[in-house]
């Protein structure tokens, strides 16, 4: 899908490496600052699960603006949590003439106390059309609530569709008209880095293929069969990524070959 990344990449070797990788994959890159390229160092445990060490800055010096004809705006995690850039991102979501996709992708070491993070995240959920969160995100934000309860609560804030990923238990989603659950695919986990983002990209691609990504009303009317198809595609994308070392999501062709 034609994609533009609004980001912050410095004029340094790391920035050049990231830019080259993205452009080779057909992604247009628009850097909003010349600050040094931020880093997140992933440290894997014996199960392939990652913890992160951050050296990161988010201070755009150029205005955030969507390319003409944008159908979907996706954002989340540190872009919506670190100031001063977070305030600019929130303003963009509030004014965007596009379907908004949001993944809080919680990083506790950089997001402060759960109470403050929860207040900001709920504001962003209310601005979004599609929301995805992991069970780990939801446990940190709402330690006394089940993922299903939070998904339904967030749906009530305004999004057309809210999804929770449940690790080995698959994924659960609700819309105004339907609920669906998809089991996890049996795999041997090599590396979980990028699994959540692969899930989201697979989900958005399938919504687009179904003709739903550019139509808020159609998203709200989505039935259980379509919702199940979207979850199946997203779970497959995440599973494939977990079988590979490094954040290597599947191509569209590979994803099509293993989903309905």
C-alpha atoms as a PDB file:
ATOM      1  CA  UNK A   1       0.000   0.000   0.000  1.00  0.00           C
ATOM      2  CA  UNK A   2       1.356   3.518  -0.717  1.00  0.00           C
ATOM      3  CA  UNK A   3       2.724   4.639   2.641  1.00  0.00           C
ATOM      4  CA  UNK A   4       4.414   7.742   4.028  1.00  0.00           C
ATOM      5  CA  UNK A   5       6.227   7.774   7.369  1.00  0.00           C
ATOM      6  CA  UNK A   6       6.287  11.089   9.233  1.00  0.00           C
ATOM      7  CA  UNK A   7       9.163  10.695  11.657  1.00  0.00           C
ATOM      8  CA  UNK A   8      12.395  12.151  13.041  1.00  0.00           C
ATOM      9  CA  UNK A   9      15.594  10.867  11.431  1.00  0.00           C
ATOM     10  CA  UNK A  10      18.929  12.572  11.879  1.00  0.00           C
ATOM     11  CA  UNK A  11      21.629  13.173   9.239  1.00  0.00           C
ATOM     12  CA  UNK A  12      23.711  10.355  10.728  1.00  0.00           C
ATOM     13  CA  UNK A  13      24.564   6.731   9.861  1.00  0.00           C
ATOM     14  CA  UNK A  14      21.629   5.303  11.812  1.00  0.00           C
ATOM     15  CA  UNK A  15      19.214   7.686  10.130  1.00  0.00           C
ATOM     16  CA  UNK A  16      20.641   6.803   6.724  1.00  0.00           C
ATOM     17  CA  UNK A  17      20.290   3.074   7.449  1.00  0.00           C
ATOM     18  CA  UNK A  18      16.646   3.442   8.509  1.00  0.00           C
ATOM     19  CA  UNK A  19      15.818   5.691   5.570  1.00  0.00           C
ATOM     20  CA  UNK A  20      17.485   3.312   3.094  1.00  0.00           C
ATOM     21  CA  UNK A  21      15.621   0.291   4.478  1.00  0.00           C
ATOM     22  CA  UNK A  22      12.254   2.072   4.297  1.00  0.00           C
ATOM     23  CA  UNK A  23      12.764   3.515   0.841  1.00  0.00           C
ATOM     24  CA  UNK A  24      13.866   0.108  -0.471  1.00  0.00           C
ATOM     25  CA  UNK A  25      10.481  -1.197   0.733  1.00  0.00           C
ATOM     26  CA  UNK A  26       8.648   1.569  -1.105  1.00  0.00           C
ATOM     27  CA  UNK A  27       7.938   3.789   1.917  1.00  0.00           C
ATOM     28  CA  UNK A  28       8.135   7.540   1.431  1.00  0.00           C
ATOM     29  CA  UNK A  29       9.968   9.124   4.373  1.00  0.00           C
ATOM     30  CA  UNK A  30       9.397  12.650   5.624  1.00  0.00           C
ATOM     31  CA  UNK A  31      11.700  13.655   8.485  1.00  0.00           C
ATOM     32  CA  UNK A  32      10.365  16.410  10.731  1.00  0.00           C
ATOM     33  CA  UNK A  33      13.643  17.286  12.466  1.00  0.00           C
ATOM     34  CA  UNK A  34      17.403  17.109  12.027  1.00  0.00           C
ATOM     35  CA  UNK A  35      17.980  15.950  15.621  1.00  0.00           C
ATOM     36  CA  UNK A  36      20.136  12.827  16.035  1.00  0.00           C
ATOM     37  CA  UNK A  37      18.357   9.576  15.250  1.00  0.00           C
ATOM     38  CA  UNK A  38      16.738   8.044  18.319  1.00  0.00           C
ATOM     39  CA  UNK A  39      17.378   4.424  19.273  1.00  0.00           C
ATOM     40  CA  UNK A  40      15.552   1.635  21.059  1.00  0.00           C
ATOM     41  CA  UNK A  41      17.818  -1.269  21.955  1.00  0.00           C
ATOM     42  CA  UNK A  42      15.895  -4.549  22.184  1.00  0.00           C
ATOM     43  CA  UNK A  43      17.205  -7.128  24.673  1.00  0.00           C
ATOM     44  CA  UNK A  44      15.678 -10.595  24.261  1.00  0.00           C
ATOM     45  CA  UNK A  45      15.076 -13.111  27.037  1.00  0.00           C
ATOM     46  CA  UNK A  46      15.228 -16.882  26.634  1.00  0.00           C
ATOM     47  CA  UNK A  47      11.653 -16.942  25.240  1.00  0.00           C
ATOM     48  CA  UNK A  48      12.365 -14.350  22.550  1.00  0.00           C
ATOM     49  CA  UNK A  49      10.406 -11.646  24.403  1.00  0.00           C
ATOM     50  CA  UNK A  50      11.979  -8.196  24.350  1.00  0.00           C
ATOM     51  CA  UNK A  51      12.645  -5.405  26.803  1.00  0.00           C
ATOM     52  CA  UNK A  52      13.811  -2.038  25.513  1.00  0.00           C
ATOM     53  CA  UNK A  53      16.452   0.527  26.431  1.00  0.00           C
ATOM     54  CA  UNK A  54      15.701   3.951  24.944  1.00  0.00           C
ATOM     55  CA  UNK A  55      17.783   6.920  23.849  1.00  0.00           C
ATOM     56  CA  UNK A  56      15.013   8.916  22.281  1.00  0.00           C
ATOM     57  CA  UNK A  57      13.855  12.430  21.481  1.00  0.00           C
ATOM     58  CA  UNK A  58      10.617  13.589  19.837  1.00  0.00           C
ATOM     59  CA  UNK A  59      10.640  17.290  19.020  1.00  0.00           C
ATOM     60  CA  UNK A  60       9.477  17.964  15.440  1.00  0.00           C
ATOM     61  CA  UNK A  61      10.608  21.314  14.075  1.00  0.00           C
ATOM     62  CA  UNK A  62       8.397  21.108  10.975  1.00  0.00           C
ATOM     63  CA  UNK A  63       4.580  21.083  10.951  1.00  0.00           C
ATOM     64  CA  UNK A  64       2.842  17.726  10.992  1.00  0.00           C
ATOM     65  CA  UNK A  65       0.687  17.495   7.874  1.00  0.00           C
ATOM     66  CA  UNK A  66      -0.766  14.516   6.021  1.00  0.00           C
ATOM     67  CA  UNK A  67       0.037  13.930   2.350  1.00  0.00           C
ATOM     68  CA  UNK A  68      -2.884  14.781   0.032  1.00  0.00           C
ATOM     69  CA  UNK A  69      -5.322  11.915  -0.386  1.00  0.00           C
ATOM     70  CA  UNK A  70      -4.376  10.140   2.842  1.00  0.00           C
ATOM     71  CA  UNK A  71      -6.908   7.402   3.633  1.00  0.00           C
ATOM     72  CA  UNK A  72      -5.617   6.283   7.026  1.00  0.00           C
ATOM     73  CA  UNK A  73      -3.414   7.860   9.691  1.00  0.00           C
ATOM     74  CA  UNK A  74      -1.779   5.414  12.103  1.00  0.00           C
ATOM     75  CA  UNK A  75       0.147   6.457  15.189  1.00  0.00           C
ATOM     76  CA  UNK A  76       0.822   5.468  18.775  1.00  0.00           C
ATOM     77  CA  UNK A  77       3.343   4.627  21.456  1.00  0.00           C
ATOM     78  CA  UNK A  78       6.068   7.205  22.072  1.00  0.00           C
ATOM     79  CA  UNK A  79       4.906   9.523  19.268  1.00  0.00           C
ATOM     80  CA  UNK A  80       1.763  10.114  21.336  1.00  0.00           C
ATOM     81  CA  UNK A  81       3.488  10.129  24.759  1.00  0.00           C
ATOM     82  CA  UNK A  82       6.719  12.151  24.553  1.00  0.00           C
ATOM     83  CA  UNK A  83       6.545  15.930  24.542  1.00  0.00           C
ATOM     84  CA  UNK A  84       6.717  18.276  22.768  1.00  0.00           C
ATOM     85  CA  UNK A  85       5.841  16.097  19.758  1.00  0.00           C
ATOM     86  CA  UNK A  86       2.932  14.324  21.469  1.00  0.00           C
ATOM     87  CA  UNK A  87       0.838  17.477  21.608  1.00  0.00           C
ATOM     88  CA  UNK A  88       1.360  18.067  17.879  1.00  0.00           C
ATOM     89  CA  UNK A  89       0.365  14.471  17.101  1.00  0.00           C
ATOM     90  CA  UNK A  90      -2.810  14.758  19.167  1.00  0.00           C
ATOM     91  CA  UNK A  91      -3.754  17.934  17.296  1.00  0.00           C
ATOM     92  CA  UNK A  92      -3.188  16.133  13.986  1.00  0.00           C
ATOM     93  CA  UNK A  93      -5.499  13.292  15.038  1.00  0.00           C
ATOM     94  CA  UNK A  94      -8.183  15.758  16.052  1.00  0.00           C
ATOM     95  CA  UNK A  95      -8.086  17.520  12.667  1.00  0.00           C
ATOM     96  CA  UNK A  96      -7.351  14.585  10.319  1.00  0.00           C
ATOM     97  CA  UNK A  97      -9.743  13.984   7.434  1.00  0.00           C
ATOM     98  CA  UNK A  98      -8.845  10.290   7.403  1.00  0.00           C
ATOM     99  CA  UNK A  99      -9.573   7.124   9.336  1.00  0.00           C
ATOM    100  CA  UNK A 100      -7.413   7.242  12.474  1.00  0.00           C
ATOM    101  CA  UNK A 101      -5.694   4.089  13.786  1.00  0.00           C
ATOM    102  CA  UNK A 102      -4.123   4.170  17.260  1.00  0.00           C
ATOM    103  CA  UNK A 103      -1.954   1.705  19.194  1.00  0.00           C
ATOM    104  CA  UNK A 104      -0.879   2.935  22.661  1.00  0.00           C
ATOM    105  CA  UNK A 105       1.994   0.388  22.639  1.00  0.00           C
ATOM    106  CA  UNK A 106       2.851   1.237  26.251  1.00  0.00           C
ATOM    107  CA  UNK A 107       6.470   1.819  27.275  1.00  0.00           C
ATOM    108  CA  UNK A 108       6.283   2.225  31.076  1.00  0.00           C
ATOM    109  CA  UNK A 109       9.846   3.514  31.478  1.00  0.00           C
ATOM    110  CA  UNK A 110       9.038   6.559  29.332  1.00  0.00           C
ATOM    111  CA  UNK A 111       5.343   7.135  30.006  1.00  0.00           C
ATOM    112  CA  UNK A 112       5.364   8.104  33.665  1.00  0.00           C
ATOM    113  CA  UNK A 113       2.638   7.060  36.082  1.00  0.00           C
ATOM    114  CA  UNK A 114      -0.214   4.881  34.751  1.00  0.00           C
ATOM    115  CA  UNK A 115      -2.857   7.407  35.872  1.00  0.00           C
ATOM    116  CA  UNK A 116      -1.431  10.222  33.721  1.00  0.00           C
ATOM    117  CA  UNK A 117      -0.761   7.901  30.781  1.00  0.00           C
ATOM    118  CA  UNK A 118      -4.284   6.475  31.016  1.00  0.00           C
ATOM    119  CA  UNK A 119      -5.856   9.942  30.831  1.00  0.00           C
ATOM    120  CA  UNK A 120      -3.925  10.824  27.670  1.00  0.00           C
ATOM    121  CA  UNK A 121      -4.508   7.437  26.052  1.00  0.00           C
ATOM    122  CA  UNK A 122      -8.257   7.619  26.633  1.00  0.00           C
ATOM    123  CA  UNK A 123      -8.340  11.031  24.920  1.00  0.00           C
ATOM    124  CA  UNK A 124      -6.594   9.512  21.917  1.00  0.00           C
ATOM    125  CA  UNK A 125      -8.860   6.448  21.894  1.00  0.00           C
ATOM    126  CA  UNK A 126     -11.817   8.845  21.655  1.00  0.00           C
ATOM    127  CA  UNK A 127     -10.227  10.490  18.580  1.00  0.00           C
ATOM    128  CA  UNK A 128      -9.552   7.178  16.825  1.00  0.00           C
ATOM    129  CA  UNK A 129     -11.603   4.960  14.534  1.00  0.00           C
ATOM    130  CA  UNK A 130      -9.521   1.782  14.958  1.00  0.00           C
ATOM    131  CA  UNK A 131      -7.687   0.976  18.211  1.00  0.00           C
ATOM    132  CA  UNK A 132      -5.397  -1.952  18.965  1.00  0.00           C
ATOM    133  CA  UNK A 133      -3.711  -2.722  22.299  1.00  0.00           C
ATOM    134  CA  UNK A 134      -1.925  -5.697  23.808  1.00  0.00           C
ATOM    135  CA  UNK A 135      -3.008  -7.463  26.977  1.00  0.00           C
ATOM    136  CA  UNK A 136       0.251  -6.246  28.551  1.00  0.00           C
ATOM    137  CA  UNK A 137      -0.628  -2.635  27.686  1.00  0.00           C
ATOM    138  CA  UNK A 138      -4.074  -3.035  29.212  1.00  0.00           C
ATOM    139  CA  UNK A 139      -2.779  -4.759  32.361  1.00  0.00           C
ATOM    140  CA  UNK A 140      -0.436  -1.823  33.031  1.00  0.00           C
ATOM    141  CA  UNK A 141      -3.149   0.767  32.403  1.00  0.00           C
ATOM    142  CA  UNK A 142      -6.020  -1.100  34.115  1.00  0.00           C
ATOM    143  CA  UNK A 143      -4.591  -3.694  36.535  1.00  0.00           C
ATOM    144  CA  UNK A 144      -8.014  -4.520  37.983  1.00  0.00           C
ATOM    145  CA  UNK A 145      -9.852  -5.038  34.676  1.00  0.00           C
ATOM    146  CA  UNK A 146      -9.836  -7.819  32.089  1.00  0.00           C
ATOM    147  CA  UNK A 147      -8.746  -7.031  28.510  1.00  0.00           C
ATOM    148  CA  UNK A 148     -12.284  -7.750  27.296  1.00  0.00           C
ATOM    149  CA  UNK A 149     -13.766  -5.271  29.753  1.00  0.00           C
ATOM    150  CA  UNK A 150     -11.324  -2.561  28.671  1.00  0.00           C
ATOM    151  CA  UNK A 151     -11.938  -3.222  24.974  1.00  0.00           C
ATOM    152  CA  UNK A 152     -15.674  -2.731  25.482  1.00  0.00           C
ATOM    153  CA  UNK A 153     -15.103   0.371  27.603  1.00  0.00           C
ATOM    154  CA  UNK A 154     -12.871   1.901  24.943  1.00  0.00           C
ATOM    155  CA  UNK A 155     -15.395   1.070  22.218  1.00  0.00           C
ATOM    156  CA  UNK A 156     -17.856   3.146  24.188  1.00  0.00           C
ATOM    157  CA  UNK A 157     -15.534   6.165  23.941  1.00  0.00           C
ATOM    158  CA  UNK A 158     -16.144   6.393  20.195  1.00  0.00           C
ATOM    159  CA  UNK A 159     -13.945   4.139  18.004  1.00  0.00           C
ATOM    160  CA  UNK A 160     -15.602   1.964  15.380  1.00  0.00           C
ATOM    161  CA  UNK A 161     -13.355  -0.994  16.222  1.00  0.00           C
ATOM    162  CA  UNK A 162     -11.213  -1.932  19.235  1.00  0.00           C
ATOM    163  CA  UNK A 163      -8.892  -4.952  19.327  1.00  0.00           C
ATOM    164  CA  UNK A 164      -6.881  -6.585  22.097  1.00  0.00           C
ATOM    165  CA  UNK A 165      -4.033  -8.968  21.317  1.00  0.00           C
ATOM    166  CA  UNK A 166      -3.773 -11.746  23.908  1.00  0.00           C
ATOM    167  CA  UNK A 167      -0.411 -13.381  23.178  1.00  0.00           C
ATOM    168  CA  UNK A 168      -0.845 -17.148  23.026  1.00  0.00           C
ATOM    169  CA  UNK A 169      -4.616 -16.726  23.345  1.00  0.00           C
ATOM    170  CA  UNK A 170      -4.968 -14.909  20.010  1.00  0.00           C
ATOM    171  CA  UNK A 171      -6.997 -11.702  19.692  1.00  0.00           C
ATOM    172  CA  UNK A 172     -10.412 -10.275  20.565  1.00  0.00           C
ATOM    173  CA  UNK A 173     -12.265  -7.412  18.864  1.00  0.00           C
ATOM    174  CA  UNK A 174     -15.506  -5.479  19.106  1.00  0.00           C
ATOM    175  CA  UNK A 175     -17.352  -3.086  16.814  1.00  0.00           C
ATOM    176  CA  UNK A 176     -20.714  -1.407  17.272  1.00  0.00           C
ATOM    177  CA  UNK A 177     -22.365  -4.382  15.561  1.00  0.00           C
ATOM    178  CA  UNK A 178     -20.217  -7.417  16.303  1.00  0.00           C
ATOM    179  CA  UNK A 179     -17.653  -9.246  18.425  1.00  0.00           C
ATOM    180  CA  UNK A 180     -15.047 -11.750  17.256  1.00  0.00           C
ATOM    181  CA  UNK A 181     -12.207 -13.827  18.641  1.00  0.00           C
ATOM    182  CA  UNK A 182      -9.354 -15.434  16.730  1.00  0.00           C
ATOM    183  CA  UNK A 183      -7.032 -18.092  18.195  1.00  0.00           C
ATOM    184  CA  UNK A 184      -3.280 -17.770  18.017  1.00  0.00           C
ATOM    185  CA  UNK A 185      -1.443 -19.717  15.330  1.00  0.00           C
ATOM    186  CA  UNK A 186       0.850 -22.475  16.628  1.00  0.00           C
ATOM    187  CA  UNK A 187       4.435 -21.381  15.983  1.00  0.00           C
ATOM    188  CA  UNK A 188       7.933 -21.609  17.404  1.00  0.00           C
ATOM    189  CA  UNK A 189       8.731 -18.107  18.654  1.00  0.00           C
ATOM    190  CA  UNK A 190      12.148 -16.804  17.608  1.00  0.00           C
ATOM    191  CA  UNK A 191      11.765 -13.083  18.287  1.00  0.00           C
ATOM    192  CA  UNK A 192       8.728 -10.999  19.265  1.00  0.00           C
ATOM    193  CA  UNK A 193      10.151  -7.646  18.129  1.00  0.00           C
ATOM    194  CA  UNK A 194       7.725  -6.039  15.692  1.00  0.00           C
ATOM    195  CA  UNK A 195       4.904  -8.525  16.312  1.00  0.00           C
ATOM    196  CA  UNK A 196       2.421  -5.896  17.472  1.00  0.00           C
ATOM    197  CA  UNK A 197       3.176  -3.585  14.571  1.00  0.00           C
ATOM    198  CA  UNK A 198       2.887  -6.485  12.125  1.00  0.00           C
ATOM    199  CA  UNK A 199      -0.521  -7.281  13.628  1.00  0.00           C
ATOM    200  CA  UNK A 200      -1.645  -3.688  13.066  1.00  0.00           C
ATOM    201  CA  UNK A 201      -0.334  -3.501   9.514  1.00  0.00           C
ATOM    202  CA  UNK A 202      -2.032  -6.788   8.606  1.00  0.00           C
ATOM    203  CA  UNK A 203      -5.248  -5.545  10.177  1.00  0.00           C
ATOM    204  CA  UNK A 204      -5.217  -2.241   8.300  1.00  0.00           C
ATOM    205  CA  UNK A 205      -4.318  -3.908   5.007  1.00  0.00           C
ATOM    206  CA  UNK A 206      -7.223  -6.364   5.318  1.00  0.00           C
ATOM    207  CA  UNK A 207      -9.633  -3.559   6.244  1.00  0.00           C
ATOM    208  CA  UNK A 208      -8.519  -1.751   3.094  1.00  0.00           C
ATOM    209  CA  UNK A 209      -8.878  -4.878   0.960  1.00  0.00           C
ATOM    210  CA  UNK A 210     -12.460  -5.217   2.252  1.00  0.00           C
ATOM    211  CA  UNK A 211     -13.188  -1.611   1.295  1.00  0.00           C
ATOM    212  CA  UNK A 212     -13.594  -0.540   4.923  1.00  0.00           C
ATOM    213  CA  UNK A 213     -10.531   1.545   5.676  1.00  0.00           C
ATOM    214  CA  UNK A 214     -11.719   4.707   3.971  1.00  0.00           C
ATOM    215  CA  UNK A 215     -15.316   4.601   5.245  1.00  0.00           C
ATOM    216  CA  UNK A 216     -16.055   5.291   8.920  1.00  0.00           C
ATOM    217  CA  UNK A 217     -19.717   4.326   8.547  1.00  0.00           C
ATOM    218  CA  UNK A 218     -18.818   0.991   6.957  1.00  0.00           C
ATOM    219  CA  UNK A 219     -16.379   0.303   9.790  1.00  0.00           C
ATOM    220  CA  UNK A 220     -19.157   0.771  12.319  1.00  0.00           C
ATOM    221  CA  UNK A 221     -21.448  -1.578  10.392  1.00  0.00           C
ATOM    222  CA  UNK A 222     -18.832  -4.323  10.059  1.00  0.00           C
ATOM    223  CA  UNK A 223     -20.287  -7.717  10.906  1.00  0.00           C
ATOM    224  CA  UNK A 224     -18.763 -10.693  12.689  1.00  0.00           C
ATOM    225  CA  UNK A 225     -17.671 -12.480   9.471  1.00  0.00           C
ATOM    226  CA  UNK A 226     -15.675  -9.502   8.201  1.00  0.00           C
ATOM    227  CA  UNK A 227     -14.301  -8.840  11.676  1.00  0.00           C
ATOM    228  CA  UNK A 228     -13.146 -12.453  11.932  1.00  0.00           C
ATOM    229  CA  UNK A 229     -11.380 -12.196   8.564  1.00  0.00           C
ATOM    230  CA  UNK A 230      -9.581  -9.045   9.697  1.00  0.00           C
ATOM    231  CA  UNK A 231      -8.440 -10.692  12.932  1.00  0.00           C
ATOM    232  CA  UNK A 232      -7.272 -13.832  11.126  1.00  0.00           C
ATOM    233  CA  UNK A 233      -5.099 -11.760   8.792  1.00  0.00           C
ATOM    234  CA  UNK A 234      -3.657  -9.710  11.648  1.00  0.00           C
ATOM    235  CA  UNK A 235      -2.881 -12.788  13.756  1.00  0.00           C
ATOM    236  CA  UNK A 236      -1.170 -14.423  10.762  1.00  0.00           C
ATOM    237  CA  UNK A 237       1.011 -11.348  10.150  1.00  0.00           C
ATOM    238  CA  UNK A 238       2.055 -11.275  13.788  1.00  0.00           C
ATOM    239  CA  UNK A 239       2.760 -15.017  13.897  1.00  0.00           C
ATOM    240  CA  UNK A 240       4.962 -14.921  10.808  1.00  0.00           C
ATOM    241  CA  UNK A 241       6.962 -12.031  12.282  1.00  0.00           C
ATOM    242  CA  UNK A 242       7.541 -13.975  15.525  1.00  0.00           C
ATOM    243  CA  UNK A 243       9.157 -16.831  13.576  1.00  0.00           C
ATOM    244  CA  UNK A 244      11.863 -14.483  12.247  1.00  0.00           C
ATOM    245  CA  UNK A 245      14.770 -12.815  13.977  1.00  0.00           C
ATOM    246  CA  UNK A 246      14.437  -9.045  13.860  1.00  0.00           C
ATOM    247  CA  UNK A 247      11.375  -6.967  13.000  1.00  0.00           C
ATOM    248  CA  UNK A 248      10.625  -8.616   9.649  1.00  0.00           C
ATOM    249  CA  UNK A 249       6.915  -8.564   8.808  1.00  0.00           C
ATOM    250  CA  UNK A 250       5.589 -10.637   5.906  1.00  0.00           C
ATOM    251  CA  UNK A 251       5.081  -9.342   2.400  1.00  0.00           C
ATOM    252  CA  UNK A 252       1.546  -8.995   1.102  1.00  0.00           C
ATOM    253  CA  UNK A 253       2.064 -12.029  -1.140  1.00  0.00           C
ATOM    254  CA  UNK A 254       3.091 -14.233   1.785  1.00  0.00           C
ATOM    255  CA  UNK A 255       0.212 -12.990   3.896  1.00  0.00           C
ATOM    256  CA  UNK A 256      -2.272 -13.649   1.102  1.00  0.00           C
ATOM    257  CA  UNK A 257      -0.955 -17.178   0.707  1.00  0.00           C
ATOM    258  CA  UNK A 258      -1.719 -18.139   4.311  1.00  0.00           C
ATOM    259  CA  UNK A 259      -5.019 -16.305   4.918  1.00  0.00           C
ATOM    260  CA  UNK A 260      -8.487 -16.429   3.447  1.00  0.00           C
END
